[in-house]
Structures are given as structure tokens and as C-alpha cells.
Amino acid sequence: KDYLKIKEGVGQYPILSLLPSKNPKIDTVCFDSYRGGYMLAKHFEEQGYKKFGFISGPSNRADALFRKNGFLNHIHENDDLELVWSFEGDFSSSSGKAAFAEYKNTGLKDIAIFGGNDYSCFGFMKAAIESGYKIPDDFIIAGYDNLSFCETFTPELTSIATDFHELGKKSIRIIENMVADNSDSYGNISMIPVGIKIRNSTNSKN
């Protein structure tokens, strides 16, 4: 119903979604969120960590779910890895701050935390540092989106990098093909690869 409403509004112009959905009705070009979560869990393991934590994003966003699934799947594939703490967040820095308040009460240390996105990490790290925690001595943490603040925060934040230039090029190509073929939809989902920018927040002391 939403798709038909949008289509009626835009008329002859092709429609392309830049966010994944659980049941896509529109051609989609998006980042490989699942792979990003999986890559971070693997990176944490390579740093020598066995106990992991996770701050989730909004439950109604498919990209948040895919990031979570990728992260958890790597953990579940290895018997010596364990998710020992999780928090339901919303991708905001305030939810990251709230996550730290809960984390602090657990008394956990020496774990690897995936913050869901960079903003959640910034809130979590700021609250942790104000409470006397040292990163990466007490825990390591990484985010998703590779925002510019990742390099200006102390410590610099490891994050999954997304190439918006490539996303734009791929999207334009698909739209051009739709126009040339006079097609409303190809029924395609295109995943743009992601990478990982490793910085001091996951510089293991183990």
C-alpha cells in the first residue's frame, strides 16, 4: 500500500530505496549491513576477545536487524565466543549513554562491544570516560557508519565504513536502466560492500 501511494505521487519517475527492508517491494540499493556486523565480530575475535556485548538499533529498522544478525551469527558459529551483555538502543548518543549506565551495573570488563552505530558508541564512550573507564584497557568498542567524528573522538573509534559514492553511482545506473527500459521495477536488491576502519578503540591490550 505504501509503495502504491508513493508511486501515485511520483508518477512516471522510477522509485529506488536506499535502505533495506524485511520484505522489499521496491528495487533497493543498500550497504551490506549483515556483512558489517559479521566483520566486527570477527575483528573482535582476532583481537583475542571471547566475551562480546551489543547495543542494538531500532527494532523497526531492517538495517539494524541485519547488523545485529551478522554480529550474532559469527558469535554463534564459534563455541568459544559468547554474547554476555546486550542493550536495546535506538542509534542515538543518548541511548549509548543509557546503555553504559546499565553496563556499568553489570561489573563486566574485558569485553568487546559493538555499538550498533557510531552515535551509540559516542554516547557510551563519553559516559564511560567520565566514570573513569579507560578504552581500550577496560573494554574495546566499535561502531558503524565511519562518521567524521570517529577520527576526532579520543580514543579514535573503529567503525564499519560505508562508501556513499559507490552507493550513488550504483543507484544512478539502475535508475537510468529503468528509464531506458520504461520499467517500474527489476525486482533487484544490490548490496554495496562495506569495509572496516580499525582505530585505537579496538587496539587490544590482551
N, C-alpha and C. Protein backbone atom coordinates (compact mmCIF):
# COMPACT_ATOMS: atom_id res chain seq x y z
N LYS A 1 0.83 -1.21 0.00
CA LYS A 1 0.00 0.00 0.00
C LYS A 1 0.86 1.26 0.00
N ASP A 2 1.92 1.23 0.79
CA ASP A 2 2.81 2.40 0.84
C ASP A 2 3.48 2.61 -0.51
N TYR A 3 3.91 1.52 -1.13
CA TYR A 3 4.55 1.61 -2.44
C TYR A 3 3.61 2.22 -3.47
N LEU A 4 2.36 1.75 -3.50
CA LEU A 4 1.39 2.27 -4.47
C LEU A 4 1.11 3.75 -4.23
N LYS A 5 1.08 4.13 -2.97
CA LYS A 5 0.84 5.54 -2.64
C LYS A 5 2.00 6.41 -3.13
N ILE A 6 3.23 5.94 -2.91
CA ILE A 6 4.40 6.68 -3.39
C ILE A 6 4.40 6.75 -4.91
N LYS A 7 4.11 5.62 -5.53
CA LYS A 7 4.11 5.56 -6.99
C LYS A 7 3.09 6.52 -7.59
N GLU A 8 1.96 6.60 -6.97
CA GLU A 8 0.93 7.53 -7.43
C GLU A 8 1.40 8.97 -7.32
N GLY A 9 2.18 9.24 -6.28
CA GLY A 9 2.65 10.61 -6.06
C GLY A 9 3.74 11.04 -7.02
N VAL A 10 4.64 10.10 -7.40
CA VAL A 10 5.77 10.49 -8.25
C VAL A 10 5.48 10.29 -9.74
N GLY A 11 4.43 9.54 -10.06
CA GLY A 11 4.05 9.38 -11.46
C GLY A 11 5.01 8.50 -12.23
N GLN A 12 5.54 9.02 -13.34
CA GLN A 12 6.33 8.20 -14.26
C GLN A 12 7.77 7.95 -13.79
N TYR A 13 8.19 8.64 -12.76
CA TYR A 13 9.58 8.51 -12.32
C TYR A 13 9.82 7.19 -11.60
N PRO A 14 10.97 6.54 -11.83
CA PRO A 14 11.27 5.28 -11.14
C PRO A 14 11.55 5.51 -9.66
N ILE A 15 11.28 4.50 -8.85
CA ILE A 15 11.47 4.57 -7.41
C ILE A 15 12.56 3.59 -7.01
N LEU A 16 13.46 4.07 -6.17
CA LEU A 16 14.55 3.23 -5.68
C LEU A 16 14.72 3.47 -4.18
N SER A 17 14.83 2.39 -3.41
CA SER A 17 15.04 2.51 -1.98
C SER A 17 16.53 2.40 -1.66
N LEU A 18 17.00 3.23 -0.73
CA LEU A 18 18.40 3.19 -0.31
C LEU A 18 18.56 2.59 1.08
N LEU A 19 17.48 2.03 1.61
CA LEU A 19 17.54 1.30 2.87
C LEU A 19 16.93 -0.08 2.66
N PRO A 20 17.51 -1.10 3.28
CA PRO A 20 16.94 -2.44 3.13
C PRO A 20 15.62 -2.54 3.88
N SER A 21 14.82 -3.52 3.50
CA SER A 21 13.59 -3.81 4.23
C SER A 21 13.47 -5.31 4.39
N LYS A 22 12.64 -5.74 5.33
CA LYS A 22 12.50 -7.17 5.59
C LYS A 22 11.75 -7.86 4.45
N ASN A 23 10.87 -7.13 3.78
CA ASN A 23 10.09 -7.70 2.69
C ASN A 23 10.02 -6.67 1.57
N PRO A 24 11.11 -6.51 0.82
CA PRO A 24 11.21 -5.39 -0.14
C PRO A 24 10.21 -5.49 -1.28
N LYS A 25 9.55 -4.37 -1.59
CA LYS A 25 8.63 -4.26 -2.73
C LYS A 25 9.20 -3.35 -3.80
N ILE A 26 10.29 -2.68 -3.48
CA ILE A 26 10.90 -1.69 -4.36
C ILE A 26 12.35 -2.10 -4.62
N ASP A 27 12.84 -1.88 -5.83
CA ASP A 27 14.26 -2.11 -6.10
C ASP A 27 15.10 -1.36 -5.06
N THR A 28 16.11 -2.03 -4.57
CA THR A 28 16.86 -1.50 -3.44
C THR A 28 18.35 -1.54 -3.69
N VAL A 29 19.03 -0.44 -3.34
CA VAL A 29 20.48 -0.39 -3.31
C VAL A 29 20.87 0.01 -1.89
N CYS A 30 21.60 -0.85 -1.20
CA CYS A 30 21.92 -0.56 0.20
C CYS A 30 23.26 -1.18 0.56
N PHE A 31 23.76 -0.82 1.71
CA PHE A 31 25.02 -1.37 2.19
C PHE A 31 24.78 -2.77 2.78
N ASP A 32 25.81 -3.58 2.75
CA ASP A 32 25.72 -4.95 3.25
C ASP A 32 25.84 -4.93 4.77
N SER A 33 24.74 -4.59 5.42
CA SER A 33 24.72 -4.43 6.88
C SER A 33 25.08 -5.72 7.60
N TYR A 34 24.60 -6.84 7.07
CA TYR A 34 24.90 -8.14 7.70
C TYR A 34 26.41 -8.36 7.71
N ARG A 35 27.03 -8.12 6.59
CA ARG A 35 28.47 -8.33 6.49
C ARG A 35 29.23 -7.43 7.45
N GLY A 36 28.74 -6.19 7.63
CA GLY A 36 29.40 -5.27 8.56
C GLY A 36 29.40 -5.80 9.97
N GLY A 37 28.26 -6.30 10.45
CA GLY A 37 28.19 -6.86 11.79
C GLY A 37 29.08 -8.08 11.94
N TYR A 38 29.09 -8.92 10.91
CA TYR A 38 29.90 -10.12 10.93
C TYR A 38 31.40 -9.77 10.98
N MET A 39 31.80 -8.78 10.19
CA MET A 39 33.20 -8.36 10.16
C MET A 39 33.68 -7.86 11.51
N LEU A 40 32.82 -7.13 12.22
CA LEU A 40 33.22 -6.61 13.52
C LEU A 40 33.40 -7.73 14.54
N ALA A 41 32.49 -8.71 14.55
CA ALA A 41 32.64 -9.83 15.47
C ALA A 41 33.93 -10.59 15.19
N LYS A 42 34.24 -10.76 13.93
CA LYS A 42 35.48 -11.45 13.55
C LYS A 42 36.69 -10.64 13.98
N HIS A 43 36.63 -9.34 13.81
CA HIS A 43 37.72 -8.46 14.25
C HIS A 43 37.92 -8.56 15.75
N PHE A 44 36.84 -8.56 16.50
CA PHE A 44 36.94 -8.69 17.96
C PHE A 44 37.62 -10.01 18.35
N GLU A 45 37.23 -11.08 17.67
CA GLU A 45 37.83 -12.39 17.95
C GLU A 45 39.32 -12.36 17.64
N GLU A 46 39.69 -11.73 16.54
CA GLU A 46 41.10 -11.65 16.16
C GLU A 46 41.91 -10.83 17.16
N GLN A 47 41.24 -9.95 17.88
CA GLN A 47 41.91 -9.17 18.92
C GLN A 47 42.05 -9.96 20.22
N GLY A 48 41.56 -11.17 20.24
CA GLY A 48 41.73 -12.04 21.40
C GLY A 48 40.58 -12.05 22.37
N TYR A 49 39.42 -11.44 21.99
CA TYR A 49 38.27 -11.37 22.90
C TYR A 49 37.33 -12.55 22.68
N LYS A 50 36.79 -13.04 23.78
CA LYS A 50 35.84 -14.16 23.76
C LYS A 50 34.45 -13.75 24.22
N LYS A 51 34.36 -12.65 24.97
CA LYS A 51 33.09 -12.17 25.51
C LYS A 51 32.70 -10.87 24.81
N PHE A 52 31.47 -10.86 24.30
CA PHE A 52 31.01 -9.74 23.49
C PHE A 52 29.78 -9.07 24.09
N GLY A 53 29.63 -7.79 23.77
CA GLY A 53 28.43 -7.04 24.11
C GLY A 53 27.88 -6.36 22.87
N PHE A 54 26.60 -5.97 22.94
CA PHE A 54 25.96 -5.39 21.76
C PHE A 54 24.91 -4.37 22.17
N ILE A 55 24.91 -3.20 21.48
CA ILE A 55 23.86 -2.20 21.63
C ILE A 55 23.09 -2.18 20.32
N SER A 56 21.83 -2.58 20.35
CA SER A 56 21.06 -2.71 19.12
C SER A 56 20.50 -1.36 18.67
N GLY A 57 20.08 -1.32 17.43
CA GLY A 57 19.39 -0.15 16.89
C GLY A 57 17.89 -0.32 16.99
N PRO A 58 17.11 0.57 16.37
CA PRO A 58 15.65 0.50 16.42
C PRO A 58 15.13 -0.83 15.87
N SER A 59 14.21 -1.44 16.58
CA SER A 59 13.72 -2.77 16.20
C SER A 59 12.93 -2.75 14.89
N ASN A 60 12.46 -1.57 14.46
CA ASN A 60 11.68 -1.49 13.23
C ASN A 60 12.52 -1.17 12.00
N ARG A 61 13.84 -1.12 12.15
CA ARG A 61 14.72 -0.83 11.03
C ARG A 61 15.45 -2.09 10.59
N ALA A 62 15.29 -2.43 9.31
CA ALA A 62 15.88 -3.66 8.80
C ALA A 62 17.40 -3.61 8.84
N ASP A 63 18.00 -2.43 8.58
CA ASP A 63 19.46 -2.36 8.60
C ASP A 63 20.01 -2.65 9.99
N ALA A 64 19.29 -2.21 11.02
CA ALA A 64 19.70 -2.50 12.39
C ALA A 64 19.63 -4.00 12.67
N LEU A 65 18.58 -4.63 12.17
CA LEU A 65 18.41 -6.08 12.36
C LEU A 65 19.51 -6.85 11.63
N PHE A 66 19.86 -6.44 10.41
CA PHE A 66 20.89 -7.15 9.65
C PHE A 66 22.26 -6.99 10.31
N ARG A 67 22.56 -5.82 10.83
CA ARG A 67 23.83 -5.63 11.54
C ARG A 67 23.90 -6.57 12.74
N LYS A 68 22.80 -6.62 13.48
CA LYS A 68 22.73 -7.49 14.65
C LYS A 68 22.90 -8.95 14.26
N ASN A 69 22.20 -9.37 13.22
CA ASN A 69 22.26 -10.78 12.81
C ASN A 69 23.67 -11.18 12.38
N GLY A 70 24.34 -10.30 11.63
CA GLY A 70 25.70 -10.61 11.22
C GLY A 70 26.63 -10.75 12.40
N PHE A 71 26.49 -9.85 13.36
CA PHE A 71 27.33 -9.87 14.56
C PHE A 71 27.09 -11.15 15.38
N LEU A 72 25.82 -11.45 15.62
CA LEU A 72 25.48 -12.62 16.44
C LEU A 72 25.81 -13.93 15.74
N ASN A 73 25.66 -13.96 14.43
CA ASN A 73 25.93 -15.21 13.72
C ASN A 73 27.39 -15.63 13.83
N HIS A 74 28.29 -14.67 13.76
CA HIS A 74 29.70 -15.05 13.93
C HIS A 74 29.95 -15.59 15.33
N ILE A 75 29.31 -14.99 16.32
CA ILE A 75 29.45 -15.49 17.70
C ILE A 75 28.91 -16.91 17.81
N HIS A 76 27.72 -17.14 17.25
CA HIS A 76 27.09 -18.45 17.38
C HIS A 76 27.83 -19.54 16.59
N GLU A 77 28.60 -19.14 15.60
CA GLU A 77 29.35 -20.11 14.80
C GLU A 77 30.60 -20.63 15.53
N ASN A 78 30.94 -20.00 16.65
CA ASN A 78 32.16 -20.36 17.38
C ASN A 78 31.81 -20.66 18.84
N ASP A 79 32.08 -21.89 19.25
CA ASP A 79 31.69 -22.34 20.59
C ASP A 79 32.39 -21.60 21.71
N ASP A 80 33.56 -21.04 21.44
CA ASP A 80 34.30 -20.36 22.50
C ASP A 80 33.97 -18.87 22.60
N LEU A 81 33.04 -18.39 21.77
CA LEU A 81 32.61 -16.99 21.85
C LEU A 81 31.25 -16.90 22.52
N GLU A 82 31.01 -15.78 23.24
CA GLU A 82 29.76 -15.66 24.00
C GLU A 82 29.28 -14.21 24.03
N LEU A 83 28.00 -14.02 23.79
CA LEU A 83 27.38 -12.71 24.00
C LEU A 83 26.97 -12.63 25.47
N VAL A 84 27.65 -11.78 26.23
CA VAL A 84 27.41 -11.72 27.68
C VAL A 84 26.56 -10.53 28.10
N TRP A 85 26.34 -9.58 27.16
CA TRP A 85 25.56 -8.39 27.52
C TRP A 85 24.98 -7.77 26.25
N SER A 86 23.74 -7.28 26.36
CA SER A 86 23.12 -6.56 25.24
C SER A 86 22.17 -5.50 25.78
N PHE A 87 21.92 -4.51 24.94
CA PHE A 87 21.05 -3.38 25.32
C PHE A 87 20.24 -2.97 24.11
N GLU A 88 18.94 -2.72 24.31
CA GLU A 88 18.07 -2.27 23.23
C GLU A 88 18.18 -0.76 23.09
N GLY A 89 18.81 -0.30 22.01
CA GLY A 89 19.01 1.12 21.80
C GLY A 89 18.22 1.64 20.61
N ASP A 90 18.54 2.87 20.17
CA ASP A 90 17.81 3.46 19.04
C ASP A 90 18.74 4.25 18.11
N PHE A 91 20.03 3.95 18.16
CA PHE A 91 21.04 4.60 17.32
C PHE A 91 21.36 6.03 17.76
N SER A 92 20.90 6.47 18.90
CA SER A 92 21.19 7.83 19.37
C SER A 92 22.30 7.81 20.41
N SER A 93 22.98 8.96 20.57
CA SER A 93 24.02 9.05 21.59
C SER A 93 23.43 8.93 22.99
N SER A 94 22.19 9.40 23.17
CA SER A 94 21.55 9.28 24.49
C SER A 94 21.29 7.82 24.85
N SER A 95 20.95 6.99 23.84
CA SER A 95 20.76 5.57 24.14
C SER A 95 22.09 4.91 24.45
N GLY A 96 23.18 5.41 23.84
CA GLY A 96 24.50 4.91 24.19
C GLY A 96 24.87 5.23 25.63
N LYS A 97 24.49 6.43 26.06
CA LYS A 97 24.73 6.82 27.45
C LYS A 97 23.92 5.94 28.40
N ALA A 98 22.66 5.69 28.06
CA ALA A 98 21.82 4.81 28.88
C ALA A 98 22.36 3.39 28.90
N ALA A 99 22.91 2.96 27.77
CA ALA A 99 23.49 1.62 27.70
C ALA A 99 24.67 1.50 28.65
N PHE A 100 25.48 2.55 28.73
CA PHE A 100 26.63 2.47 29.65
C PHE A 100 26.17 2.38 31.10
N ALA A 101 25.12 3.13 31.45
CA ALA A 101 24.62 3.08 32.83
C ALA A 101 24.23 1.65 33.21
N GLU A 102 23.62 0.94 32.27
CA GLU A 102 23.25 -0.46 32.53
C GLU A 102 24.49 -1.35 32.55
N TYR A 103 25.38 -1.11 31.60
CA TYR A 103 26.60 -1.91 31.52
C TYR A 103 27.43 -1.77 32.80
N LYS A 104 27.53 -0.56 33.29
CA LYS A 104 28.34 -0.30 34.49
C LYS A 104 27.85 -1.13 35.67
N ASN A 105 26.55 -1.30 35.78
CA ASN A 105 25.98 -2.07 36.89
C ASN A 105 26.27 -3.56 36.81
N THR A 106 26.65 -4.04 35.61
CA THR A 106 26.96 -5.47 35.46
C THR A 106 28.33 -5.81 36.02
N GLY A 107 29.20 -4.80 36.10
CA GLY A 107 30.56 -5.05 36.57
C GLY A 107 31.45 -5.73 35.54
N LEU A 108 30.96 -5.86 34.30
CA LEU A 108 31.74 -6.52 33.26
C LEU A 108 32.92 -5.65 32.80
N LYS A 109 34.01 -6.31 32.52
CA LYS A 109 35.15 -5.65 31.89
C LYS A 109 35.80 -6.65 30.94
N ASP A 110 36.75 -6.16 30.16
CA ASP A 110 37.47 -7.01 29.21
C ASP A 110 36.53 -7.68 28.22
N ILE A 111 35.55 -6.93 27.72
CA ILE A 111 34.67 -7.46 26.68
C ILE A 111 34.76 -6.55 25.45
N ALA A 112 34.29 -7.06 24.33
CA ALA A 112 34.28 -6.32 23.07
C ALA A 112 32.84 -5.93 22.74
N ILE A 113 32.59 -4.64 22.54
CA ILE A 113 31.23 -4.13 22.37
C ILE A 113 31.03 -3.57 20.97
N PHE A 114 29.97 -4.03 20.31
CA PHE A 114 29.53 -3.44 19.04
C PHE A 114 28.42 -2.45 19.38
N GLY A 115 28.66 -1.17 19.10
CA GLY A 115 27.72 -0.14 19.48
C GLY A 115 26.54 0.04 18.55
N GLY A 116 26.40 -0.77 17.51
CA GLY A 116 25.27 -0.65 16.60
C GLY A 116 25.47 0.41 15.54
N ASN A 117 25.85 1.61 15.97
CA ASN A 117 26.25 2.68 15.06
C ASN A 117 27.21 3.60 15.80
N ASP A 118 27.74 4.61 15.13
CA ASP A 118 28.75 5.47 15.75
C ASP A 118 28.16 6.33 16.86
N TYR A 119 26.95 6.87 16.66
CA TYR A 119 26.36 7.74 17.68
C TYR A 119 26.19 7.01 19.01
N SER A 120 25.74 5.77 18.96
CA SER A 120 25.60 4.99 20.19
C SER A 120 26.95 4.82 20.88
N CYS A 121 27.98 4.60 20.08
CA CYS A 121 29.32 4.46 20.63
C CYS A 121 29.80 5.75 21.29
N PHE A 122 29.55 6.89 20.64
CA PHE A 122 29.99 8.16 21.20
C PHE A 122 29.36 8.40 22.58
N GLY A 123 28.04 8.13 22.70
CA GLY A 123 27.37 8.30 23.98
C GLY A 123 27.91 7.36 25.03
N PHE A 124 28.13 6.11 24.64
CA PHE A 124 28.64 5.09 25.55
C PHE A 124 30.05 5.45 26.02
N MET A 125 30.92 5.81 25.08
CA MET A 125 32.31 6.10 25.41
C MET A 125 32.44 7.35 26.28
N LYS A 126 31.66 8.37 25.97
CA LYS A 126 31.72 9.60 26.78
C LYS A 126 31.34 9.33 28.23
N ALA A 127 30.25 8.56 28.41
CA ALA A 127 29.81 8.22 29.77
C ALA A 127 30.84 7.35 30.47
N ALA A 128 31.44 6.43 29.73
CA ALA A 128 32.44 5.54 30.32
C ALA A 128 33.67 6.31 30.78
N ILE A 129 34.15 7.21 29.93
CA ILE A 129 35.34 8.00 30.26
C ILE A 129 35.07 8.90 31.47
N GLU A 130 33.87 9.48 31.51
CA GLU A 130 33.51 10.33 32.65
C GLU A 130 33.42 9.53 33.94
N SER A 131 33.21 8.23 33.84
CA SER A 131 33.13 7.36 35.02
C SER A 131 34.47 6.72 35.35
N GLY A 132 35.51 7.12 34.66
CA GLY A 132 36.84 6.64 34.98
C GLY A 132 37.31 5.41 34.23
N TYR A 133 36.51 4.96 33.27
CA TYR A 133 36.92 3.81 32.46
C TYR A 133 37.96 4.25 31.44
N LYS A 134 38.84 3.32 31.09
CA LYS A 134 39.85 3.58 30.07
C LYS A 134 39.61 2.65 28.90
N ILE A 135 39.61 3.25 27.70
CA ILE A 135 39.38 2.50 26.46
C ILE A 135 40.66 2.58 25.62
N PRO A 136 41.26 1.47 25.24
CA PRO A 136 40.71 0.10 25.23
C PRO A 136 41.16 -0.78 26.39
N ASP A 137 41.61 -0.22 27.49
CA ASP A 137 42.09 -1.05 28.60
C ASP A 137 40.97 -1.85 29.25
N ASP A 138 39.83 -1.21 29.52
CA ASP A 138 38.73 -1.87 30.23
C ASP A 138 37.79 -2.62 29.30
N PHE A 139 37.63 -2.14 28.10
CA PHE A 139 36.83 -2.82 27.06
C PHE A 139 37.22 -2.22 25.72
N ILE A 140 36.90 -2.93 24.64
CA ILE A 140 37.06 -2.35 23.31
C ILE A 140 35.66 -2.15 22.72
N ILE A 141 35.56 -1.22 21.77
CA ILE A 141 34.24 -0.87 21.22
C ILE A 141 34.40 -0.43 19.77
N ALA A 142 33.40 -0.73 18.97
CA ALA A 142 33.41 -0.33 17.56
C ALA A 142 32.00 0.03 17.12
N GLY A 143 31.90 0.89 16.11
CA GLY A 143 30.61 1.35 15.62
C GLY A 143 30.38 1.01 14.15
N TYR A 144 29.45 1.75 13.57
CA TYR A 144 29.06 1.51 12.17
C TYR A 144 28.66 2.85 11.55
N ASP A 145 29.22 3.16 10.39
CA ASP A 145 28.96 4.35 9.57
C ASP A 145 30.22 5.13 9.28
N ASN A 146 31.25 4.99 10.14
CA ASN A 146 32.53 5.69 9.95
C ASN A 146 32.33 7.19 9.78
N LEU A 147 31.59 7.81 10.69
CA LEU A 147 31.38 9.25 10.67
C LEU A 147 32.70 9.99 10.91
N SER A 148 32.74 11.25 10.51
CA SER A 148 33.98 12.02 10.64
C SER A 148 34.42 12.14 12.10
N PHE A 149 33.46 12.10 13.03
CA PHE A 149 33.80 12.21 14.45
C PHE A 149 34.63 11.04 14.94
N CYS A 150 34.62 9.93 14.19
CA CYS A 150 35.39 8.75 14.61
C CYS A 150 36.87 9.07 14.77
N GLU A 151 37.37 9.99 13.95
CA GLU A 151 38.80 10.33 13.99
C GLU A 151 39.10 11.47 14.96
N THR A 152 38.08 12.18 15.43
CA THR A 152 38.32 13.30 16.34
C THR A 152 38.02 12.93 17.79
N PHE A 153 37.26 11.84 18.00
CA PHE A 153 36.98 11.37 19.35
C PHE A 153 38.24 10.73 19.92
N THR A 154 38.37 10.76 21.25
CA THR A 154 39.51 10.11 21.91
C THR A 154 39.00 9.03 22.86
N PRO A 155 39.37 7.76 22.62
CA PRO A 155 40.20 7.28 21.53
C PRO A 155 39.44 7.26 20.20
N GLU A 156 40.18 7.27 19.12
CA GLU A 156 39.55 7.20 17.81
C GLU A 156 38.77 5.89 17.69
N LEU A 157 37.59 5.98 17.05
CA LEU A 157 36.65 4.86 17.05
C LEU A 157 36.79 3.98 15.81
N THR A 158 37.00 2.69 16.03
CA THR A 158 36.91 1.70 14.95
C THR A 158 35.47 1.65 14.47
N SER A 159 35.28 1.59 13.14
CA SER A 159 33.92 1.64 12.62
C SER A 159 33.84 0.98 11.24
N ILE A 160 32.66 0.49 10.91
CA ILE A 160 32.39 -0.03 9.58
C ILE A 160 32.20 1.14 8.63
N ALA A 161 32.97 1.14 7.54
CA ALA A 161 32.95 2.25 6.58
C ALA A 161 32.00 1.94 5.44
N THR A 162 31.18 2.91 5.10
CA THR A 162 30.22 2.79 4.01
C THR A 162 30.58 3.78 2.90
N ASP A 163 30.61 3.30 1.68
CA ASP A 163 31.04 4.11 0.53
C ASP A 163 29.81 4.71 -0.16
N PHE A 164 29.44 5.93 0.23
CA PHE A 164 28.26 6.57 -0.35
C PHE A 164 28.46 6.97 -1.81
N HIS A 165 29.71 7.18 -2.21
CA HIS A 165 29.98 7.47 -3.62
C HIS A 165 29.58 6.28 -4.49
N GLU A 166 29.96 5.10 -4.06
CA GLU A 166 29.61 3.88 -4.80
C GLU A 166 28.11 3.63 -4.76
N LEU A 167 27.50 3.91 -3.62
CA LEU A 167 26.04 3.78 -3.49
C LEU A 167 25.34 4.69 -4.49
N GLY A 168 25.81 5.92 -4.62
CA GLY A 168 25.21 6.86 -5.55
C GLY A 168 25.38 6.42 -7.00
N LYS A 169 26.58 5.96 -7.35
CA LYS A 169 26.83 5.52 -8.73
C LYS A 169 25.94 4.34 -9.09
N LYS A 170 25.85 3.36 -8.20
CA LYS A 170 25.04 2.17 -8.47
C LYS A 170 23.57 2.55 -8.61
N SER A 171 23.11 3.46 -7.76
CA SER A 171 21.71 3.88 -7.79
C SER A 171 21.37 4.57 -9.10
N ILE A 172 22.26 5.46 -9.54
CA ILE A 172 22.02 6.20 -10.79
C ILE A 172 21.98 5.25 -11.98
N ARG A 173 22.89 4.25 -11.98
CA ARG A 173 22.89 3.28 -13.08
C ARG A 173 21.56 2.54 -13.17
N ILE A 174 21.05 2.12 -12.04
CA ILE A 174 19.78 1.37 -12.02
C ILE A 174 18.63 2.25 -12.49
N ILE A 175 18.59 3.50 -12.03
CA ILE A 175 17.53 4.42 -12.43
C ILE A 175 17.60 4.68 -13.94
N GLU A 176 18.82 4.87 -14.46
CA GLU A 176 18.98 5.09 -15.91
C GLU A 176 18.46 3.90 -16.70
N ASN A 177 18.75 2.68 -16.21
CA ASN A 177 18.27 1.48 -16.90
C ASN A 177 16.75 1.37 -16.84
N MET A 178 16.17 1.76 -15.71
CA MET A 178 14.71 1.74 -15.58
C MET A 178 14.07 2.68 -16.59
N VAL A 179 14.65 3.87 -16.72
CA VAL A 179 14.12 4.87 -17.65
C VAL A 179 14.26 4.36 -19.09
N ALA A 180 15.45 3.81 -19.41
CA ALA A 180 15.70 3.33 -20.78
C ALA A 180 14.77 2.19 -21.16
N ASP A 181 14.47 1.33 -20.18
CA ASP A 181 13.62 0.17 -20.45
C ASP A 181 12.14 0.44 -20.18
N ASN A 182 11.84 1.68 -19.72
CA ASN A 182 10.47 2.03 -19.36
C ASN A 182 9.89 0.99 -18.37
N SER A 183 10.71 0.70 -17.35
CA SER A 183 10.35 -0.34 -16.37
C SER A 183 10.16 0.28 -14.99
N ASP A 184 9.11 -0.15 -14.29
CA ASP A 184 8.88 0.31 -12.93
C ASP A 184 9.81 -0.39 -11.94
N SER A 185 10.15 -1.63 -12.24
CA SER A 185 10.94 -2.41 -11.28
C SER A 185 11.62 -3.58 -11.96
N TYR A 186 12.83 -3.87 -11.48
CA TYR A 186 13.53 -5.08 -11.88
C TYR A 186 13.44 -6.16 -10.80
N GLY A 187 12.98 -5.77 -9.63
CA GLY A 187 12.90 -6.71 -8.51
C GLY A 187 14.26 -7.06 -7.93
N ASN A 188 15.20 -6.12 -8.05
CA ASN A 188 16.58 -6.38 -7.62
C ASN A 188 16.90 -5.76 -6.27
N ILE A 189 17.81 -6.43 -5.55
CA ILE A 189 18.41 -5.86 -4.35
C ILE A 189 19.92 -5.90 -4.56
N SER A 190 20.56 -4.74 -4.56
CA SER A 190 22.01 -4.66 -4.76
C SER A 190 22.68 -4.26 -3.45
N MET A 191 23.65 -5.05 -3.04
CA MET A 191 24.37 -4.80 -1.79
C MET A 191 25.72 -4.15 -2.10
N ILE A 192 25.98 -3.01 -1.50
CA ILE A 192 27.27 -2.34 -1.64
C ILE A 192 28.20 -2.86 -0.55
N PRO A 193 29.38 -3.35 -0.91
CA PRO A 193 30.31 -3.87 0.11
C PRO A 193 30.72 -2.81 1.12
N VAL A 194 31.00 -3.24 2.33
CA VAL A 194 31.48 -2.35 3.38
C VAL A 194 32.89 -2.78 3.78
N GLY A 195 33.57 -1.89 4.48
CA GLY A 195 34.92 -2.19 4.97
C GLY A 195 35.01 -1.85 6.44
N ILE A 196 36.16 -2.07 7.01
CA ILE A 196 36.34 -1.75 8.43
C ILE A 196 37.55 -0.83 8.59
N LYS A 197 37.36 0.26 9.31
CA LYS A 197 38.44 1.18 9.63
C LYS A 197 38.85 0.93 11.08
N ILE A 198 40.01 0.33 11.26
CA ILE A 198 40.47 -0.04 12.59
C ILE A 198 41.24 1.11 13.22
N ARG A 199 40.78 1.51 14.40
CA ARG A 199 41.41 2.62 15.11
C ARG A 199 41.68 2.22 16.57
N ASN A 200 42.01 3.19 17.40
CA ASN A 200 42.50 2.91 18.74
C ASN A 200 41.48 2.29 19.68
N SER A 201 40.19 2.45 19.41
CA SER A 201 39.18 1.93 20.35
C SER A 201 39.14 0.41 20.40
N THR A 202 39.78 -0.24 19.41
CA THR A 202 39.87 -1.70 19.44
C THR A 202 41.32 -2.15 19.40
N ASN A 203 42.20 -1.27 19.84
CA ASN A 203 43.62 -1.62 19.89
C ASN A 203 43.86 -2.48 21.11
N SER A 204 43.75 -3.79 20.94
CA SER A 204 43.72 -4.75 22.04
C SER A 204 44.96 -4.65 22.92
N LYS A 205 44.72 -4.75 24.21
CA LYS A 205 45.83 -4.80 25.18
C LYS A 205 46.05 -6.24 25.66
N ASN A 206 45.25 -7.17 25.10
CA ASN A 206 45.37 -8.58 25.54
C ASN A 206 46.66 -9.22 25.01
